Protein backbone atom coordinates (compact mmCIF):
# COMPACT_ATOMS: atom_id res chain seq x y z
CA MET A 1 19.30 -11.24 15.11
CA ILE A 2 20.69 -8.28 13.12
CA LEU A 3 23.37 -7.52 15.66
CA LYS A 4 24.34 -11.21 15.88
CA GLY A 5 24.47 -11.59 12.15
CA ALA A 6 26.63 -8.48 11.86
CA GLU A 7 29.05 -9.82 14.51
CA SER A 8 29.45 -13.15 12.80
CA SER A 9 30.11 -11.64 9.41
CA ASP A 10 33.41 -10.94 7.78
CA LEU A 11 32.42 -7.29 7.02
CA GLY A 12 34.64 -4.43 8.02
CA PRO A 13 33.75 -1.95 10.77
CA ASP A 14 32.11 0.67 8.52
CA ALA A 15 30.27 -2.00 6.46
CA THR A 16 29.06 -3.67 9.70
CA ASP A 17 27.68 -0.39 10.94
CA ASN A 18 25.94 0.14 7.59
CA PHE A 19 24.46 -3.39 7.62
CA ILE A 20 22.84 -2.70 10.99
CA VAL A 21 21.51 0.70 10.18
CA ASP A 22 20.26 -0.18 6.79
CA ASN A 23 18.30 -3.28 8.16
CA CYS A 24 16.83 -1.13 10.96
CA LYS A 25 15.70 1.51 8.38
CA ASN A 26 14.17 -1.26 6.25
CA ILE A 27 12.17 -2.75 9.19
CA TYR A 28 10.90 0.73 10.17
CA PHE A 29 9.97 2.03 6.81
CA ALA A 30 8.81 -1.17 5.12
CA GLY A 31 7.32 -2.85 8.14
CA TYR A 32 5.64 0.07 9.97
CA GLU A 33 5.54 3.39 8.17
CA THR A 34 4.04 2.00 4.89
CA THR A 35 1.14 0.25 6.72
CA ALA A 36 0.49 3.27 8.93
CA ILE A 37 0.39 5.69 5.92
CA THR A 38 -1.85 3.37 3.96
CA ALA A 39 -4.32 3.18 6.85
CA ALA A 40 -4.37 7.04 6.92
CA TRP A 41 -4.95 7.30 3.11
CA THR A 42 -7.81 4.65 3.44
CA LEU A 43 -9.61 6.53 6.19
CA PHE A 44 -9.19 9.76 4.19
CA LEU A 45 -10.76 8.17 1.10
CA LEU A 46 -13.56 6.65 3.09
CA ALA A 47 -14.22 10.09 4.71
CA LEU A 48 -14.62 11.48 1.23
CA ASN A 49 -16.82 8.62 0.15
CA PRO A 50 -19.41 8.02 2.95
CA ASP A 51 -21.32 5.42 0.85
CA TRP A 52 -18.27 3.14 0.78
CA GLN A 53 -17.58 3.88 4.41
CA ASP A 54 -21.17 2.68 5.21
CA LYS A 55 -20.68 -0.46 3.04
CA VAL A 56 -17.43 -1.41 4.88
CA ARG A 57 -18.93 -0.72 8.20
CA ALA A 58 -22.00 -2.86 7.60
CA GLU A 59 -19.85 -5.70 6.33
CA VAL A 60 -17.61 -5.53 9.47
CA VAL A 61 -20.64 -5.47 11.73
CA GLN A 62 -22.18 -8.40 9.98
CA ILE A 63 -19.14 -10.51 9.98
CA CYS A 64 -17.69 -9.65 13.55
CA GLU A 65 -20.95 -9.24 15.38
CA GLY A 66 -19.21 -7.08 17.93
CA LYS A 67 -16.18 -9.43 18.48
CA ILE A 68 -12.55 -8.69 17.83
CA PRO A 69 -11.80 -9.89 14.24
CA ASP A 70 -10.06 -13.18 13.90
CA ALA A 71 -8.23 -14.71 10.91
CA ASP A 72 -11.44 -16.16 9.48
CA MET A 73 -13.33 -12.97 9.81
CA ILE A 74 -10.57 -10.97 8.17
CA ARG A 75 -10.48 -13.43 5.23
CA ARG A 76 -14.29 -12.86 4.67
CA MET A 77 -13.97 -9.01 4.43
CA LYS A 78 -14.26 -8.69 0.67
CA THR A 79 -15.55 -5.10 0.56
CA LEU A 80 -12.89 -3.91 2.89
CA THR A 81 -10.27 -5.76 0.79
CA MET A 82 -11.62 -3.94 -2.31
CA VAL A 83 -11.27 -0.61 -0.59
CA ILE A 84 -7.69 -1.35 0.55
CA ASN A 85 -6.69 -2.44 -2.94
CA GLU A 86 -8.15 0.76 -4.43
CA THR A 87 -6.31 2.92 -1.86
CA LEU A 88 -3.06 1.12 -2.69
CA ARG A 89 -3.75 1.76 -6.34
CA LEU A 90 -4.23 5.59 -5.84
CA TYR A 91 -1.58 5.90 -3.14
CA PRO A 92 0.91 3.07 -3.48
CA PRO A 93 3.49 3.17 -0.70
CA GLY A 94 6.56 2.97 -2.86
CA ALA A 95 7.16 5.99 -5.07
CA ILE A 96 9.71 4.18 -7.31
CA ILE A 97 10.70 0.72 -8.14
CA SER A 98 14.21 0.40 -9.68
CA ARG A 99 15.98 -2.44 -11.40
CA GLU A 100 19.46 -2.77 -12.92
CA ALA A 101 20.03 -4.65 -16.14
CA LEU A 102 22.72 -7.27 -15.35
CA GLU A 103 23.22 -7.86 -19.07
CA ASP A 104 22.23 -6.44 -22.42
CA MET A 105 18.41 -6.86 -22.78
CA LYS A 106 15.87 -6.22 -25.46
CA PHE A 107 12.00 -5.60 -24.97
CA GLY A 108 10.38 -5.47 -28.31
CA LYS A 109 12.20 -2.55 -30.02
CA LEU A 110 13.63 -1.20 -26.77
CA GLU A 111 17.30 -2.04 -26.17
CA VAL A 112 18.55 -1.79 -22.55
CA PRO A 113 22.34 -1.89 -22.17
CA LYS A 114 24.02 -3.65 -19.27
CA GLY A 115 24.27 -1.50 -16.19
CA VAL A 116 21.41 0.73 -16.96
CA ASN A 117 18.88 1.39 -14.19
CA ILE A 118 15.18 1.28 -15.05
CA TRP A 119 12.78 3.21 -12.82
CA LEU A 120 9.09 2.37 -12.59
CA MET A 121 6.60 4.67 -10.95
CA PRO A 122 3.59 2.72 -9.68
CA VAL A 123 1.54 5.83 -9.07
CA THR A 124 1.76 6.62 -12.82
CA LEU A 125 1.07 2.99 -13.86
CA HIS A 126 -1.80 2.88 -11.38
CA GLN A 127 -3.65 5.87 -12.86
CA ASP A 128 -3.06 5.18 -16.60
CA PRO A 129 -6.50 5.48 -18.35
CA GLU A 130 -5.27 3.00 -21.13
CA ILE A 131 -4.84 0.34 -18.36
CA TRP A 132 -7.59 1.29 -15.92
CA GLY A 133 -10.18 3.01 -18.08
CA PRO A 134 -11.31 6.54 -18.45
CA GLU A 135 -12.05 6.98 -14.76
CA ALA A 136 -8.61 5.79 -13.55
CA HIS A 137 -8.16 8.84 -11.36
CA LYS A 138 -11.40 8.23 -9.47
CA PHE A 139 -11.87 6.23 -6.19
CA ASN A 140 -13.93 3.20 -7.13
CA PRO A 141 -13.21 0.00 -5.05
CA GLY A 142 -15.85 -1.74 -7.13
CA ARG A 143 -13.30 -2.17 -9.89
CA PHE A 144 -11.66 -4.90 -7.67
CA ALA A 145 -14.91 -6.93 -7.23
CA ASN A 146 -13.35 -9.72 -9.26
CA GLY A 147 -9.78 -9.26 -7.95
CA VAL A 148 -6.82 -7.54 -9.64
CA SER A 149 -7.17 -9.60 -12.82
CA GLY A 150 -10.64 -8.19 -13.43
CA ALA A 151 -9.74 -4.62 -12.36
CA CYS A 152 -7.39 -3.57 -15.23
CA LYS A 153 -6.15 -4.50 -18.65
CA PHE A 154 -2.71 -5.66 -17.53
CA PRO A 155 -2.81 -7.00 -14.02
CA HIS A 156 1.00 -7.23 -13.76
CA VAL A 157 1.19 -3.41 -13.63
CA TYR A 158 -0.52 -3.29 -10.26
CA LEU A 159 2.53 -2.88 -8.03
CA PRO A 160 1.71 -1.84 -4.48
CA PHE A 161 4.06 -4.49 -3.18
CA GLY A 162 6.56 -4.52 -5.96
CA PHE A 163 7.00 -7.54 -8.29
CA GLY A 164 9.23 -10.47 -9.13
CA PRO A 165 11.87 -11.76 -6.70
CA HIS A 166 11.80 -8.62 -4.66
CA THR A 167 7.99 -8.71 -4.03
CA CYS A 168 7.35 -7.51 -0.45
CA LEU A 169 7.72 -10.48 1.99
CA GLY A 170 5.37 -8.83 4.41
CA GLN A 171 2.43 -8.07 2.08
CA HIS A 172 0.02 -10.63 3.60
CA PHE A 173 0.86 -9.59 7.07
CA ALA A 174 0.48 -5.85 6.19
CA LEU A 175 -3.01 -6.50 4.69
CA ALA A 176 -4.00 -8.43 7.83
CA GLU A 177 -2.81 -5.55 9.95
CA LEU A 178 -4.75 -3.01 7.82
CA LYS A 179 -7.94 -5.02 7.86
CA LEU A 180 -7.79 -5.50 11.64
CA LEU A 181 -7.08 -1.82 12.30
CA LEU A 182 -9.70 -0.43 9.88
CA ALA A 183 -12.41 -2.97 10.94
CA LEU A 184 -11.97 -1.86 14.70
CA ALA A 185 -11.86 1.84 13.69
CA LEU A 186 -14.98 1.69 11.46
CA SER A 187 -17.02 -0.36 13.89
CA ASN A 188 -16.50 2.28 16.64
CA PHE A 189 -16.28 5.58 14.80
CA THR A 190 -17.44 7.56 11.73
CA PHE A 191 -14.93 9.68 9.72
CA SER A 192 -15.59 12.85 7.77
CA PRO A 193 -13.28 15.36 6.06
CA SER A 194 -11.83 18.20 8.20
CA PRO A 195 -11.75 21.78 6.82
CA ASN A 196 -8.09 21.82 8.10
CA TYR A 197 -7.10 19.13 5.72
CA ARG A 198 -4.49 20.09 3.04
CA HIS A 199 -4.09 17.72 0.17
CA CYS A 200 -0.40 17.31 -0.69
CA PRO A 201 0.85 13.84 -1.34
CA SER A 202 4.70 13.95 -0.95
CA LEU A 203 6.98 11.59 -2.92
CA SER A 204 9.93 10.83 -0.79
CA LEU A 205 10.96 7.35 0.25
CA ILE A 206 7.28 6.53 0.45
CA ILE A 207 4.17 8.44 -0.73
CA GLU A 208 2.94 10.26 2.38
CA PRO A 209 0.63 13.22 3.21
CA LYS A 210 2.95 16.11 3.66
CA TYR A 211 0.70 17.93 6.11
CA GLY A 212 -0.90 14.73 7.64
CA VAL A 213 -4.53 13.58 7.40
CA ASN A 214 -6.94 15.77 9.43
CA LEU A 215 -10.29 14.03 9.82
CA ILE A 216 -13.36 14.67 12.00
CA VAL A 217 -13.91 11.55 14.10
CA ARG A 218 -17.23 10.79 15.86
CA ARG A 219 -17.93 7.81 18.15
CA LEU A 220 -20.89 5.65 17.06
């Protein structure tokens, strides 16, 4: 579809090549790498917090009863949803969200001239004690027991999938992927921290573990 769209466009040769490459990059990073990295961070946090790992496993076993999760089962996994939401709060995939002012704007006393780029850092907003409380830096999925609106002071600052017209189109699919993958993993294995793990979140195009996530995996 990308190639066909490029061929039927009125773009020049260089612009056509850029169109194809940029779309392929977007599919790879936005549609694959972000979900894979979030799954790794989630297993890492569950390995560090075995009580929550046990809670999620118990929920999955109760709901699935040994079957492959279907859409209805995935929808009922509230504890797993809370864990994923908390992982996305602490390790949001996107390091930066940028917006350009298309006209002169004013927010309270702050004036933003036309053409200025505004950068938002979700990882900073997601761990601000004034928004999330004094333990904003701690892993606590329970804060999402009543959804995002009950988790923080200003729900609109929770930005794991962006916001506004550019909100990630694949967010629901990504969450379904994560729930399916994690449900299958946790129903078959236990995860604990490895002494070889080196904690070093790296802020590049996405927030990823620079040295990977080393875990000890045991079959149930």
